[in-house]
Amino acid sequence: GFYWQIHSIWFYVFMQIANGLVQTTGWPA
């Protein structure tokens, strides 16, 4: 987002949601 000059909060929120979901793979495994 820094290099693409993205200034929409929804872009960063979506990335956080997606990252939160895929990060759940770590601990149980």
mmCIF file of all heavy atoms, coordinates in Angstrom:
data_MODEL
# 
_entry.id   MODEL 
# 
loop_
_atom_site.group_PDB 
_atom_site.id 
_atom_site.type_symbol 
_atom_site.label_atom_id 
_atom_site.label_alt_id 
_atom_site.label_comp_id 
_atom_site.label_asym_id 
_atom_site.label_entity_id 
_atom_site.label_seq_id 
_atom_site.pdbx_PDB_ins_code 
_atom_site.Cartn_x 
_atom_site.Cartn_y 
_atom_site.Cartn_z 
_atom_site.occupancy 
_atom_site.B_iso_or_equiv 
_atom_site.pdbx_formal_charge 
_atom_site.auth_seq_id 
_atom_site.auth_comp_id 
_atom_site.auth_asym_id 
_atom_site.auth_atom_id 
_atom_site.pdbx_PDB_model_num 
ATOM 1   N N   . GLY A 1 1  ? 0.809   -1.206  0.000  1.00 0.00 ? 1  GLY A N   1 
ATOM 2   C CA  . GLY A 1 1  ? 0.000   0.000   0.000  1.00 0.00 ? 1  GLY A CA  1 
ATOM 3   C C   . GLY A 1 1  ? 0.846   1.260   0.000  1.00 0.00 ? 1  GLY A C   1 
ATOM 4   O O   . GLY A 1 1  ? 0.420   2.312   -0.498 1.00 0.00 ? 1  GLY A O   1 
ATOM 5   N N   . PHE A 1 2  ? 2.046   1.165   0.557  1.00 0.00 ? 2  PHE A N   1 
ATOM 6   C CA  . PHE A 1 2  ? 2.960   2.314   0.563  1.00 0.00 ? 2  PHE A CA  1 
ATOM 7   C C   . PHE A 1 2  ? 3.425   2.645   -0.855 1.00 0.00 ? 2  PHE A C   1 
ATOM 8   O O   . PHE A 1 2  ? 3.431   3.807   -1.270 1.00 0.00 ? 2  PHE A O   1 
ATOM 9   C CB  . PHE A 1 2  ? 4.154   1.999   1.461  1.00 0.00 ? 2  PHE A CB  1 
ATOM 10  C CG  . PHE A 1 2  ? 5.259   3.018   1.396  1.00 0.00 ? 2  PHE A CG  1 
ATOM 11  C CD1 . PHE A 1 2  ? 5.174   4.205   2.109  1.00 0.00 ? 2  PHE A CD1 1 
ATOM 12  C CD2 . PHE A 1 2  ? 6.393   2.791   0.624  1.00 0.00 ? 2  PHE A CD2 1 
ATOM 13  C CE1 . PHE A 1 2  ? 6.187   5.151   2.048  1.00 0.00 ? 2  PHE A CE1 1 
ATOM 14  C CE2 . PHE A 1 2  ? 7.428   3.721   0.565  1.00 0.00 ? 2  PHE A CE2 1 
ATOM 15  C CZ  . PHE A 1 2  ? 7.310   4.909   1.282  1.00 0.00 ? 2  PHE A CZ  1 
ATOM 16  N N   . TYR A 1 3  ? 3.788   1.622   -1.615 1.00 0.00 ? 3  TYR A N   1 
ATOM 17  C CA  . TYR A 1 3  ? 4.304   1.835   -2.968 1.00 0.00 ? 3  TYR A CA  1 
ATOM 18  C C   . TYR A 1 3  ? 3.185   2.087   -3.976 1.00 0.00 ? 3  TYR A C   1 
ATOM 19  O O   . TYR A 1 3  ? 3.392   2.774   -4.976 1.00 0.00 ? 3  TYR A O   1 
ATOM 20  C CB  . TYR A 1 3  ? 5.154   0.638   -3.393 1.00 0.00 ? 3  TYR A CB  1 
ATOM 21  C CG  . TYR A 1 3  ? 6.382   0.457   -2.545 1.00 0.00 ? 3  TYR A CG  1 
ATOM 22  C CD1 . TYR A 1 3  ? 6.403   -0.470  -1.500 1.00 0.00 ? 3  TYR A CD1 1 
ATOM 23  C CD2 . TYR A 1 3  ? 7.513   1.237   -2.755 1.00 0.00 ? 3  TYR A CD2 1 
ATOM 24  C CE1 . TYR A 1 3  ? 7.534   -0.630  -0.712 1.00 0.00 ? 3  TYR A CE1 1 
ATOM 25  C CE2 . TYR A 1 3  ? 8.643   1.091   -1.967 1.00 0.00 ? 3  TYR A CE2 1 
ATOM 26  C CZ  . TYR A 1 3  ? 8.645   0.159   -0.940 1.00 0.00 ? 3  TYR A CZ  1 
ATOM 27  O OH  . TYR A 1 3  ? 9.759   0.021   -0.158 1.00 0.00 ? 3  TYR A OH  1 
ATOM 28  N N   . TRP A 1 4  ? 2.011   1.534   -3.705 1.00 0.00 ? 4  TRP A N   1 
ATOM 29  C CA  . TRP A 1 4  ? 0.879   1.739   -4.611 1.00 0.00 ? 4  TRP A CA  1 
ATOM 30  C C   . TRP A 1 4  ? 0.077   2.992   -4.263 1.00 0.00 ? 4  TRP A C   1 
ATOM 31  O O   . TRP A 1 4  ? -0.934  3.273   -4.900 1.00 0.00 ? 4  TRP A O   1 
ATOM 32  C CB  . TRP A 1 4  ? -0.036  0.512   -4.581 1.00 0.00 ? 4  TRP A CB  1 
ATOM 33  C CG  . TRP A 1 4  ? 0.613   -0.735  -5.084 1.00 0.00 ? 4  TRP A CG  1 
ATOM 34  C CD1 . TRP A 1 4  ? 1.715   -0.826  -5.885 1.00 0.00 ? 4  TRP A CD1 1 
ATOM 35  C CD2 . TRP A 1 4  ? 0.199   -2.083  -4.837 1.00 0.00 ? 4  TRP A CD2 1 
ATOM 36  N NE1 . TRP A 1 4  ? 2.017   -2.131  -6.158 1.00 0.00 ? 4  TRP A NE1 1 
ATOM 37  C CE2 . TRP A 1 4  ? 1.105   -2.939  -5.527 1.00 0.00 ? 4  TRP A CE2 1 
ATOM 38  C CE3 . TRP A 1 4  ? -0.839  -2.670  -4.129 1.00 0.00 ? 4  TRP A CE3 1 
ATOM 39  C CZ2 . TRP A 1 4  ? 0.989   -4.325  -5.503 1.00 0.00 ? 4  TRP A CZ2 1 
ATOM 40  C CZ3 . TRP A 1 4  ? -0.958  -4.049  -4.092 1.00 0.00 ? 4  TRP A CZ3 1 
ATOM 41  C CH2 . TRP A 1 4  ? -0.048  -4.871  -4.770 1.00 0.00 ? 4  TRP A CH2 1 
ATOM 42  N N   . GLN A 1 5  ? 0.515   3.705   -3.214 1.00 0.00 ? 5  GLN A N   1 
ATOM 43  C CA  . GLN A 1 5  ? -0.147  4.946   -2.789 1.00 0.00 ? 5  GLN A CA  1 
ATOM 44  C C   . GLN A 1 5  ? -1.639  4.722   -2.507 1.00 0.00 ? 5  GLN A C   1 
ATOM 45  O O   . GLN A 1 5  ? -2.512  5.464   -2.963 1.00 0.00 ? 5  GLN A O   1 
ATOM 46  C CB  . GLN A 1 5  ? 0.023   6.034   -3.843 1.00 0.00 ? 5  GLN A CB  1 
ATOM 47  C CG  . GLN A 1 5  ? 1.457   6.518   -4.012 1.00 0.00 ? 5  GLN A CG  1 
ATOM 48  C CD  . GLN A 1 5  ? 1.964   7.276   -2.779 1.00 0.00 ? 5  GLN A CD  1 
ATOM 49  O OE1 . GLN A 1 5  ? 1.342   8.225   -2.318 1.00 0.00 ? 5  GLN A OE1 1 
ATOM 50  N NE2 . GLN A 1 5  ? 3.098   6.831   -2.243 1.00 0.00 ? 5  GLN A NE2 1 
ATOM 51  N N   . ILE A 1 6  ? -1.922  3.678   -1.730 1.00 0.00 ? 6  ILE A N   1 
ATOM 52  C CA  . ILE A 1 6  ? -3.308  3.373   -1.356 1.00 0.00 ? 6  ILE A CA  1 
ATOM 53  C C   . ILE A 1 6  ? -3.637  4.093   -0.058 1.00 0.00 ? 6  ILE A C   1 
ATOM 54  O O   . ILE A 1 6  ? -2.932  3.948   0.937  1.00 0.00 ? 6  ILE A O   1 
ATOM 55  C CB  . ILE A 1 6  ? -3.503  1.855   -1.207 1.00 0.00 ? 6  ILE A CB  1 
ATOM 56  C CG1 . ILE A 1 6  ? -3.286  1.171   -2.566 1.00 0.00 ? 6  ILE A CG1 1 
ATOM 57  C CG2 . ILE A 1 6  ? -4.900  1.548   -0.673 1.00 0.00 ? 6  ILE A CG2 1 
ATOM 58  C CD1 . ILE A 1 6  ? -3.393  -0.335  -2.510 1.00 0.00 ? 6  ILE A CD1 1 
ATOM 59  N N   . HIS A 1 7  ? -4.751  4.844   -0.063 1.00 0.00 ? 7  HIS A N   1 
ATOM 60  C CA  . HIS A 1 7  ? -5.147  5.616   1.111  1.00 0.00 ? 7  HIS A CA  1 
ATOM 61  C C   . HIS A 1 7  ? -6.563  5.274   1.571  1.00 0.00 ? 7  HIS A C   1 
ATOM 62  O O   . HIS A 1 7  ? -7.194  6.061   2.278  1.00 0.00 ? 7  HIS A O   1 
ATOM 63  C CB  . HIS A 1 7  ? -5.042  7.117   0.805  1.00 0.00 ? 7  HIS A CB  1 
ATOM 64  C CG  . HIS A 1 7  ? -3.650  7.563   0.492  1.00 0.00 ? 7  HIS A CG  1 
ATOM 65  N ND1 . HIS A 1 7  ? -2.692  7.773   1.453  1.00 0.00 ? 7  HIS A ND1 1 
ATOM 66  C CD2 . HIS A 1 7  ? -3.042  7.814   -0.706 1.00 0.00 ? 7  HIS A CD2 1 
ATOM 67  C CE1 . HIS A 1 7  ? -1.556  8.145   0.890  1.00 0.00 ? 7  HIS A CE1 1 
ATOM 68  N NE2 . HIS A 1 7  ? -1.740  8.175   -0.431 1.00 0.00 ? 7  HIS A NE2 1 
ATOM 69  N N   . SER A 1 8  ? -7.044  4.116   1.200  1.00 0.00 ? 8  SER A N   1 
ATOM 70  C CA  . SER A 1 8  ? -8.368  3.661   1.631  1.00 0.00 ? 8  SER A CA  1 
ATOM 71  C C   . SER A 1 8  ? -8.224  2.768   2.864  1.00 0.00 ? 8  SER A C   1 
ATOM 72  O O   . SER A 1 8  ? -7.478  1.777   2.843  1.00 0.00 ? 8  SER A O   1 
ATOM 73  C CB  . SER A 1 8  ? -9.048  2.881   0.500  1.00 0.00 ? 8  SER A CB  1 
ATOM 74  O OG  . SER A 1 8  ? -10.215 2.236   0.978  1.00 0.00 ? 8  SER A OG  1 
ATOM 75  N N   . ILE A 1 9  ? -8.946  3.109   3.922  1.00 0.00 ? 9  ILE A N   1 
ATOM 76  C CA  . ILE A 1 9  ? -8.888  2.314   5.151  1.00 0.00 ? 9  ILE A CA  1 
ATOM 77  C C   . ILE A 1 9  ? -9.382  0.900   4.907  1.00 0.00 ? 9  ILE A C   1 
ATOM 78  O O   . ILE A 1 9  ? -8.922  -0.051  5.536  1.00 0.00 ? 9  ILE A O   1 
ATOM 79  C CB  . ILE A 1 9  ? -9.716  2.987   6.271  1.00 0.00 ? 9  ILE A CB  1 
ATOM 80  C CG1 . ILE A 1 9  ? -9.598  2.207   7.593  1.00 0.00 ? 9  ILE A CG1 1 
ATOM 81  C CG2 . ILE A 1 9  ? -11.181 3.100   5.861  1.00 0.00 ? 9  ILE A CG2 1 
ATOM 82  C CD1 . ILE A 1 9  ? -8.208  2.134   8.159  1.00 0.00 ? 9  ILE A CD1 1 
ATOM 83  N N   . TRP A 1 10 ? -10.290 0.725   3.950  1.00 0.00 ? 10 TRP A N   1 
ATOM 84  C CA  . TRP A 1 10 ? -10.869 -0.604  3.704  1.00 0.00 ? 10 TRP A CA  1 
ATOM 85  C C   . TRP A 1 10 ? -9.848  -1.571  3.112  1.00 0.00 ? 10 TRP A C   1 
ATOM 86  O O   . TRP A 1 10 ? -9.937  -2.775  3.345  1.00 0.00 ? 10 TRP A O   1 
ATOM 87  C CB  . TRP A 1 10 ? -12.090 -0.479  2.781  1.00 0.00 ? 10 TRP A CB  1 
ATOM 88  C CG  . TRP A 1 10 ? -13.179 0.329   3.422  1.00 0.00 ? 10 TRP A CG  1 
ATOM 89  C CD1 . TRP A 1 10 ? -13.616 1.570   3.065  1.00 0.00 ? 10 TRP A CD1 1 
ATOM 90  C CD2 . TRP A 1 10 ? -13.946 -0.059  4.559  1.00 0.00 ? 10 TRP A CD2 1 
ATOM 91  N NE1 . TRP A 1 10 ? -14.607 1.996   3.901  1.00 0.00 ? 10 TRP A NE1 1 
ATOM 92  C CE2 . TRP A 1 10 ? -14.839 1.006   4.830  1.00 0.00 ? 10 TRP A CE2 1 
ATOM 93  C CE3 . TRP A 1 10 ? -13.980 -1.189  5.373  1.00 0.00 ? 10 TRP A CE3 1 
ATOM 94  C CZ2 . TRP A 1 10 ? -15.735 0.967   5.892  1.00 0.00 ? 10 TRP A CZ2 1 
ATOM 95  C CZ3 . TRP A 1 10 ? -14.880 -1.236  6.441  1.00 0.00 ? 10 TRP A CZ3 1 
ATOM 96  C CH2 . TRP A 1 10 ? -15.743 -0.162  6.673  1.00 0.00 ? 10 TRP A CH2 1 
ATOM 97  N N   . PHE A 1 11 ? -8.900  -1.051  2.359  1.00 0.00 ? 11 PHE A N   1 
ATOM 98  C CA  . PHE A 1 11 ? -7.830  -1.922  1.853  1.00 0.00 ? 11 PHE A CA  1 
ATOM 99  C C   . PHE A 1 11 ? -7.039  -2.514  3.013  1.00 0.00 ? 11 PHE A C   1 
ATOM 100 O O   . PHE A 1 11 ? -6.801  -3.735  3.063  1.00 0.00 ? 11 PHE A O   1 
ATOM 101 C CB  . PHE A 1 11 ? -6.901  -1.126  0.937  1.00 0.00 ? 11 PHE A CB  1 
ATOM 102 C CG  . PHE A 1 11 ? -5.662  -1.882  0.524  1.00 0.00 ? 11 PHE A CG  1 
ATOM 103 C CD1 . PHE A 1 11 ? -5.692  -2.787  -0.518 1.00 0.00 ? 11 PHE A CD1 1 
ATOM 104 C CD2 . PHE A 1 11 ? -4.458  -1.685  1.199  1.00 0.00 ? 11 PHE A CD2 1 
ATOM 105 C CE1 . PHE A 1 11 ? -4.543  -3.482  -0.899 1.00 0.00 ? 11 PHE A CE1 1 
ATOM 106 C CE2 . PHE A 1 11 ? -3.303  -2.375  0.827  1.00 0.00 ? 11 PHE A CE2 1 
ATOM 107 C CZ  . PHE A 1 11 ? -3.354  -3.281  -0.224 1.00 0.00 ? 11 PHE A CZ  1 
ATOM 108 N N   . TYR A 1 12 ? -6.659  -1.676  3.967  1.00 0.00 ? 12 TYR A N   1 
ATOM 109 C CA  . TYR A 1 12 ? -5.841  -2.131  5.087  1.00 0.00 ? 12 TYR A CA  1 
ATOM 110 C C   . TYR A 1 12 ? -6.643  -3.007  6.051  1.00 0.00 ? 12 TYR A C   1 
ATOM 111 O O   . TYR A 1 12 ? -6.104  -3.978  6.605  1.00 0.00 ? 12 TYR A O   1 
ATOM 112 C CB  . TYR A 1 12 ? -5.235  -0.920  5.808  1.00 0.00 ? 12 TYR A CB  1 
ATOM 113 C CG  . TYR A 1 12 ? -4.339  -0.102  4.908  1.00 0.00 ? 12 TYR A CG  1 
ATOM 114 C CD1 . TYR A 1 12 ? -4.743  1.137   4.415  1.00 0.00 ? 12 TYR A CD1 1 
ATOM 115 C CD2 . TYR A 1 12 ? -3.104  -0.588  4.513  1.00 0.00 ? 12 TYR A CD2 1 
ATOM 116 C CE1 . TYR A 1 12 ? -3.936  1.869   3.566  1.00 0.00 ? 12 TYR A CE1 1 
ATOM 117 C CE2 . TYR A 1 12 ? -2.279  0.142   3.656  1.00 0.00 ? 12 TYR A CE2 1 
ATOM 118 C CZ  . TYR A 1 12 ? -2.708  1.371   3.192  1.00 0.00 ? 12 TYR A CZ  1 
ATOM 119 O OH  . TYR A 1 12 ? -1.904  2.083   2.342  1.00 0.00 ? 12 TYR A OH  1 
ATOM 120 N N   . VAL A 1 13 ? -7.921  -2.692  6.243  1.00 0.00 ? 13 VAL A N   1 
ATOM 121 C CA  . VAL A 1 13 ? -8.777  -3.533  7.088  1.00 0.00 ? 13 VAL A CA  1 
ATOM 122 C C   . VAL A 1 13 ? -8.937  -4.918  6.461  1.00 0.00 ? 13 VAL A C   1 
ATOM 123 O O   . VAL A 1 13 ? -8.860  -5.945  7.161  1.00 0.00 ? 13 VAL A O   1 
ATOM 124 C CB  . VAL A 1 13 ? -10.158 -2.869  7.295  1.00 0.00 ? 13 VAL A CB  1 
ATOM 125 C CG1 . VAL A 1 13 ? -11.164 -3.865  7.859  1.00 0.00 ? 13 VAL A CG1 1 
ATOM 126 C CG2 . VAL A 1 13 ? -10.031 -1.675  8.236  1.00 0.00 ? 13 VAL A CG2 1 
ATOM 127 N N   . PHE A 1 14 ? -9.142  -4.962  5.135  1.00 0.00 ? 14 PHE A N   1 
ATOM 128 C CA  . PHE A 1 14 ? -9.291  -6.260  4.468  1.00 0.00 ? 14 PHE A CA  1 
ATOM 129 C C   . PHE A 1 14 ? -8.024  -7.096  4.615  1.00 0.00 ? 14 PHE A C   1 
ATOM 130 O O   . PHE A 1 14 ? -8.110  -8.311  4.854  1.00 0.00 ? 14 PHE A O   1 
ATOM 131 C CB  . PHE A 1 14 ? -9.620  -6.062  2.987  1.00 0.00 ? 14 PHE A CB  1 
ATOM 132 C CG  . PHE A 1 14 ? -9.707  -7.354  2.216  1.00 0.00 ? 14 PHE A CG  1 
ATOM 133 C CD1 . PHE A 1 14 ? -10.836 -8.149  2.286  1.00 0.00 ? 14 PHE A CD1 1 
ATOM 134 C CD2 . PHE A 1 14 ? -8.634  -7.792  1.436  1.00 0.00 ? 14 PHE A CD2 1 
ATOM 135 C CE1 . PHE A 1 14 ? -10.908 -9.349  1.597  1.00 0.00 ? 14 PHE A CE1 1 
ATOM 136 C CE2 . PHE A 1 14 ? -8.692  -8.980  0.739  1.00 0.00 ? 14 PHE A CE2 1 
ATOM 137 C CZ  . PHE A 1 14 ? -9.842  -9.767  0.824  1.00 0.00 ? 14 PHE A CZ  1 
ATOM 138 N N   . MET A 1 15 ? -6.880  -6.477  4.472  1.00 0.00 ? 15 MET A N   1 
ATOM 139 C CA  . MET A 1 15 ? -5.627  -7.213  4.620  1.00 0.00 ? 15 MET A CA  1 
ATOM 140 C C   . MET A 1 15 ? -5.461  -7.750  6.040  1.00 0.00 ? 15 MET A C   1 
ATOM 141 O O   . MET A 1 15 ? -4.973  -8.859  6.247  1.00 0.00 ? 15 MET A O   1 
ATOM 142 C CB  . MET A 1 15 ? -4.435  -6.319  4.253  1.00 0.00 ? 15 MET A CB  1 
ATOM 143 C CG  . MET A 1 15 ? -4.353  -5.982  2.783  1.00 0.00 ? 15 MET A CG  1 
ATOM 144 S SD  . MET A 1 15 ? -4.296  -7.476  1.768  1.00 0.00 ? 15 MET A SD  1 
ATOM 145 C CE  . MET A 1 15 ? -5.021  -6.864  0.244  1.00 0.00 ? 15 MET A CE  1 
ATOM 146 N N   . GLN A 1 16 ? -5.891  -6.972  7.023  1.00 0.00 ? 16 GLN A N   1 
ATOM 147 C CA  . GLN A 1 16 ? -5.820  -7.428  8.409  1.00 0.00 ? 16 GLN A CA  1 
ATOM 148 C C   . GLN A 1 16 ? -6.772  -8.596  8.670  1.00 0.00 ? 16 GLN A C   1 
ATOM 149 O O   . GLN A 1 16 ? -6.427  -9.545  9.359  1.00 0.00 ? 16 GLN A O   1 
ATOM 150 C CB  . GLN A 1 16 ? -6.137  -6.269  9.352  1.00 0.00 ? 16 GLN A CB  1 
ATOM 151 C CG  . GLN A 1 16 ? -5.026  -5.238  9.487  1.00 0.00 ? 16 GLN A CG  1 
ATOM 152 C CD  . GLN A 1 16 ? -3.843  -5.780  10.263 1.00 0.00 ? 16 GLN A CD  1 
ATOM 153 O OE1 . GLN A 1 16 ? -2.957  -6.433  9.699  1.00 0.00 ? 16 GLN A OE1 1 
ATOM 154 N NE2 . GLN A 1 16 ? -3.812  -5.520  11.554 1.00 0.00 ? 16 GLN A NE2 1 
ATOM 155 N N   . ILE A 1 17 ? -7.984  -8.507  8.119  1.00 0.00 ? 17 ILE A N   1 
ATOM 156 C CA  . ILE A 1 17 ? -8.946  -9.606  8.288  1.00 0.00 ? 17 ILE A CA  1 
ATOM 157 C C   . ILE A 1 17 ? -8.418  -10.882 7.634  1.00 0.00 ? 17 ILE A C   1 
ATOM 158 O O   . ILE A 1 17 ? -8.449  -11.971 8.226  1.00 0.00 ? 17 ILE A O   1 
ATOM 159 C CB  . ILE A 1 17 ? -10.311 -9.216  7.691  1.00 0.00 ? 17 ILE A CB  1 
ATOM 160 C CG1 . ILE A 1 17 ? -10.958 -8.099  8.515  1.00 0.00 ? 17 ILE A CG1 1 
ATOM 161 C CG2 . ILE A 1 17 ? -11.242 -10.429 7.626  1.00 0.00 ? 17 ILE A CG2 1 
ATOM 162 C CD1 . ILE A 1 17 ? -12.237 -7.553  7.906  1.00 0.00 ? 17 ILE A CD1 1 
ATOM 163 N N   . ALA A 1 18 ? -7.948  -10.753 6.409  1.00 0.00 ? 18 ALA A N   1 
ATOM 164 C CA  . ALA A 1 18 ? -7.421  -11.921 5.691  1.00 0.00 ? 18 ALA A CA  1 
ATOM 165 C C   . ALA A 1 18 ? -6.223  -12.512 6.415  1.00 0.00 ? 18 ALA A C   1 
ATOM 166 O O   . ALA A 1 18 ? -6.106  -13.742 6.556  1.00 0.00 ? 18 ALA A O   1 
ATOM 167 C CB  . ALA A 1 18 ? -7.041  -11.531 4.259  1.00 0.00 ? 18 ALA A CB  1 
ATOM 168 N N   . ASN A 1 19 ? -5.339  -11.641 6.907  1.00 0.00 ? 19 ASN A N   1 
ATOM 169 C CA  . ASN A 1 19 ? -4.162  -12.127 7.617  1.00 0.00 ? 19 ASN A CA  1 
ATOM 170 C C   . ASN A 1 19 ? -4.553  -12.797 8.925  1.00 0.00 ? 19 ASN A C   1 
ATOM 171 O O   . ASN A 1 19 ? -3.978  -13.819 9.314  1.00 0.00 ? 19 ASN A O   1 
ATOM 172 C CB  . ASN A 1 19 ? -3.198  -10.960 7.879  1.00 0.00 ? 19 ASN A CB  1 
ATOM 173 C CG  . ASN A 1 19 ? -1.768  -11.423 8.039  1.00 0.00 ? 19 ASN A CG  1 
ATOM 174 O OD1 . ASN A 1 19 ? -1.428  -12.558 7.756  1.00 0.00 ? 19 ASN A OD1 1 
ATOM 175 N ND2 . ASN A 1 19 ? -0.910  -10.525 8.488  1.00 0.00 ? 19 ASN A ND2 1 
ATOM 176 N N   . GLY A 1 20 ? -5.544  -12.227 9.620  1.00 0.00 ? 20 GLY A N   1 
ATOM 177 C CA  . GLY A 1 20 ? -5.998  -12.850 10.864 1.00 0.00 ? 20 GLY A CA  1 
ATOM 178 C C   . GLY A 1 20 ? -6.533  -14.250 10.642 1.00 0.00 ? 20 GLY A C   1 
ATOM 179 O O   . GLY A 1 20 ? -6.299  -15.162 11.446 1.00 0.00 ? 20 GLY A O   1 
ATOM 180 N N   . LEU A 1 21 ? -7.253  -14.440 9.543  1.00 0.00 ? 21 LEU A N   1 
ATOM 181 C CA  . LEU A 1 21 ? -7.816  -15.763 9.253  1.00 0.00 ? 21 LEU A CA  1 
ATOM 182 C C   . LEU A 1 21 ? -6.725  -16.784 8.924  1.00 0.00 ? 21 LEU A C   1 
ATOM 183 O O   . LEU A 1 21 ? -6.731  -17.902 9.448  1.00 0.00 ? 21 LEU A O   1 
ATOM 184 C CB  . LEU A 1 21 ? -8.811  -15.663 8.093  1.00 0.00 ? 21 LEU A CB  1 
ATOM 185 C CG  . LEU A 1 21 ? -10.133 -14.940 8.400  1.00 0.00 ? 21 LEU A CG  1 
ATOM 186 C CD1 . LEU A 1 21 ? -10.948 -14.775 7.130  1.00 0.00 ? 21 LEU A CD1 1 
ATOM 187 C CD2 . LEU A 1 21 ? -10.928 -15.708 9.448  1.00 0.00 ? 21 LEU A CD2 1 
ATOM 188 N N   . VAL A 1 22 ? -5.785  -16.415 8.053  1.00 0.00 ? 22 VAL A N   1 
ATOM 189 C CA  . VAL A 1 22 ? -4.774  -17.393 7.643  1.00 0.00 ? 22 VAL A CA  1 
ATOM 190 C C   . VAL A 1 22 ? -3.746  -17.629 8.746  1.00 0.00 ? 22 VAL A C   1 
ATOM 191 O O   . VAL A 1 22 ? -3.124  -18.698 8.790  1.00 0.00 ? 22 VAL A O   1 
ATOM 192 C CB  . VAL A 1 22 ? -4.070  -16.969 6.336  1.00 0.00 ? 22 VAL A CB  1 
ATOM 193 C CG1 . VAL A 1 22 ? -5.072  -16.892 5.201  1.00 0.00 ? 22 VAL A CG1 1 
ATOM 194 C CG2 . VAL A 1 22 ? -3.346  -15.646 6.496  1.00 0.00 ? 22 VAL A CG2 1 
ATOM 195 N N   . GLN A 1 23 ? -3.598  -16.672 9.663  1.00 0.00 ? 23 GLN A N   1 
ATOM 196 C CA  . GLN A 1 23 ? -2.647  -16.880 10.760 1.00 0.00 ? 23 GLN A CA  1 
ATOM 197 C C   . GLN A 1 23 ? -3.145  -17.908 11.771 1.00 0.00 ? 23 GLN A C   1 
ATOM 198 O O   . GLN A 1 23 ? -2.367  -18.419 12.567 1.00 0.00 ? 23 GLN A O   1 
ATOM 199 C CB  . GLN A 1 23 ? -2.362  -15.555 11.466 1.00 0.00 ? 23 GLN A CB  1 
ATOM 200 C CG  . GLN A 1 23 ? -1.521  -14.589 10.660 1.00 0.00 ? 23 GLN A CG  1 
ATOM 201 C CD  . GLN A 1 23 ? -0.147  -14.354 11.250 1.00 0.00 ? 23 GLN A CD  1 
ATOM 202 O OE1 . GLN A 1 23 ? 0.075   -14.490 12.436 1.00 0.00 ? 23 GLN A OE1 1 
ATOM 203 N NE2 . GLN A 1 23 ? 0.798   -13.997 10.392 1.00 0.00 ? 23 GLN A NE2 1 
ATOM 204 N N   . THR A 1 24 ? -4.434  -18.240 11.719 1.00 0.00 ? 24 THR A N   1 
ATOM 205 C CA  . THR A 1 24 ? -4.956  -19.275 12.616 1.00 0.00 ? 24 THR A CA  1 
ATOM 206 C C   . THR A 1 24 ? -4.427  -20.657 12.262 1.00 0.00 ? 24 THR A C   1 
ATOM 207 O O   . THR A 1 24 ? -4.607  -21.600 13.035 1.00 0.00 ? 24 THR A O   1 
ATOM 208 C CB  . THR A 1 24 ? -6.495  -19.301 12.585 1.00 0.00 ? 24 THR A CB  1 
ATOM 209 O OG1 . THR A 1 24 ? -6.941  -19.607 11.253 1.00 0.00 ? 24 THR A OG1 1 
ATOM 210 C CG2 . THR A 1 24 ? -7.073  -17.960 13.003 1.00 0.00 ? 24 THR A CG2 1 
ATOM 211 N N   . THR A 1 25 ? -3.806  -20.801 11.114 1.00 0.00 ? 25 THR A N   1 
ATOM 212 C CA  . THR A 1 25 ? -3.252  -22.102 10.737 1.00 0.00 ? 25 THR A CA  1 
ATOM 213 C C   . THR A 1 25 ? -2.057  -22.474 11.619 1.00 0.00 ? 25 THR A C   1 
ATOM 214 O O   . THR A 1 25 ? -1.732  -23.655 11.754 1.00 0.00 ? 25 THR A O   1 
ATOM 215 C CB  . THR A 1 25 ? -2.787  -22.086 9.273  1.00 0.00 ? 25 THR A CB  1 
ATOM 216 O OG1 . THR A 1 25 ? -1.805  -21.044 9.094  1.00 0.00 ? 25 THR A OG1 1 
ATOM 217 C CG2 . THR A 1 25 ? -3.961  -21.807 8.337  1.00 0.00 ? 25 THR A CG2 1 
ATOM 218 N N   . GLY A 1 26 ? -1.412  -21.482 12.223 1.00 0.00 ? 26 GLY A N   1 
ATOM 219 C CA  . GLY A 1 26 ? -0.147  -21.730 12.900 1.00 0.00 ? 26 GLY A CA  1 
ATOM 220 C C   . GLY A 1 26 ? -0.237  -22.479 14.200 1.00 0.00 ? 26 GLY A C   1 
ATOM 221 O O   . GLY A 1 26 ? 0.336   -23.572 14.353 1.00 0.00 ? 26 GLY A O   1 
ATOM 222 N N   . TRP A 1 27 ? -0.967  -21.927 15.164 1.00 0.00 ? 27 TRP A N   1 
ATOM 223 C CA  . TRP A 1 27 ? -0.900  -22.468 16.522 1.00 0.00 ? 27 TRP A CA  1 
ATOM 224 C C   . TRP A 1 27 ? -1.414  -23.905 16.648 1.00 0.00 ? 27 TRP A C   1 
ATOM 225 O O   . TRP A 1 27 ? -0.717  -24.765 17.185 1.00 0.00 ? 27 TRP A O   1 
ATOM 226 C CB  . TRP A 1 27 ? -1.632  -21.536 17.480 1.00 0.00 ? 27 TRP A CB  1 
ATOM 227 C CG  . TRP A 1 27 ? -1.431  -21.904 18.913 1.00 0.00 ? 27 TRP A CG  1 
ATOM 228 C CD1 . TRP A 1 27 ? -2.380  -22.259 19.822 1.00 0.00 ? 27 TRP A CD1 1 
ATOM 229 C CD2 . TRP A 1 27 ? -0.184  -21.969 19.618 1.00 0.00 ? 27 TRP A CD2 1 
ATOM 230 N NE1 . TRP A 1 27 ? -1.811  -22.532 21.038 1.00 0.00 ? 27 TRP A NE1 1 
ATOM 231 C CE2 . TRP A 1 27 ? -0.468  -22.358 20.932 1.00 0.00 ? 27 TRP A CE2 1 
ATOM 232 C CE3 . TRP A 1 27 ? 1.142   -21.726 19.242 1.00 0.00 ? 27 TRP A CE3 1 
ATOM 233 C CZ2 . TRP A 1 27 ? 0.532   -22.523 21.890 1.00 0.00 ? 27 TRP A CZ2 1 
ATOM 234 C CZ3 . TRP A 1 27 ? 2.141   -21.890 20.196 1.00 0.00 ? 27 TRP A CZ3 1 
ATOM 235 C CH2 . TRP A 1 27 ? 1.820   -22.281 21.500 1.00 0.00 ? 27 TRP A CH2 1 
ATOM 236 N N   . PRO A 1 28 ? -2.641  -24.224 16.169 1.00 0.00 ? 28 PRO A N   1 
ATOM 237 C CA  . PRO A 1 28 ? -3.095  -25.611 16.304 1.00 0.00 ? 28 PRO A CA  1 
ATOM 238 C C   . PRO A 1 28 ? -2.167  -26.603 15.622 1.00 0.00 ? 28 PRO A C   1 
ATOM 239 O O   . PRO A 1 28 ? -1.931  -27.704 16.123 1.00 0.00 ? 28 PRO A O   1 
ATOM 240 C CB  . PRO A 1 28 ? -4.485  -25.602 15.633 1.00 0.00 ? 28 PRO A CB  1 
ATOM 241 C CG  . PRO A 1 28 ? -4.910  -24.183 15.650 1.00 0.00 ? 28 PRO A CG  1 
ATOM 242 C CD  . PRO A 1 28 ? -3.654  -23.381 15.508 1.00 0.00 ? 28 PRO A CD  1 
ATOM 243 N N   . ALA A 1 29 ? -1.603  -26.212 14.476 1.00 0.00 ? 29 ALA A N   1 
ATOM 244 C CA  . ALA A 1 29 ? -0.774  -27.138 13.711 1.00 0.00 ? 29 ALA A CA  1 
ATOM 245 C C   . ALA A 1 29 ? 0.568   -27.403 14.398 1.00 0.00 ? 29 ALA A C   1 
ATOM 246 O O   . ALA A 1 29 ? 1.013   -28.553 14.493 1.00 0.00 ? 29 ALA A O   1 
ATOM 247 C CB  . ALA A 1 29 ? -0.548  -26.603 12.293 1.00 0.00 ? 29 ALA A CB  1 
# 
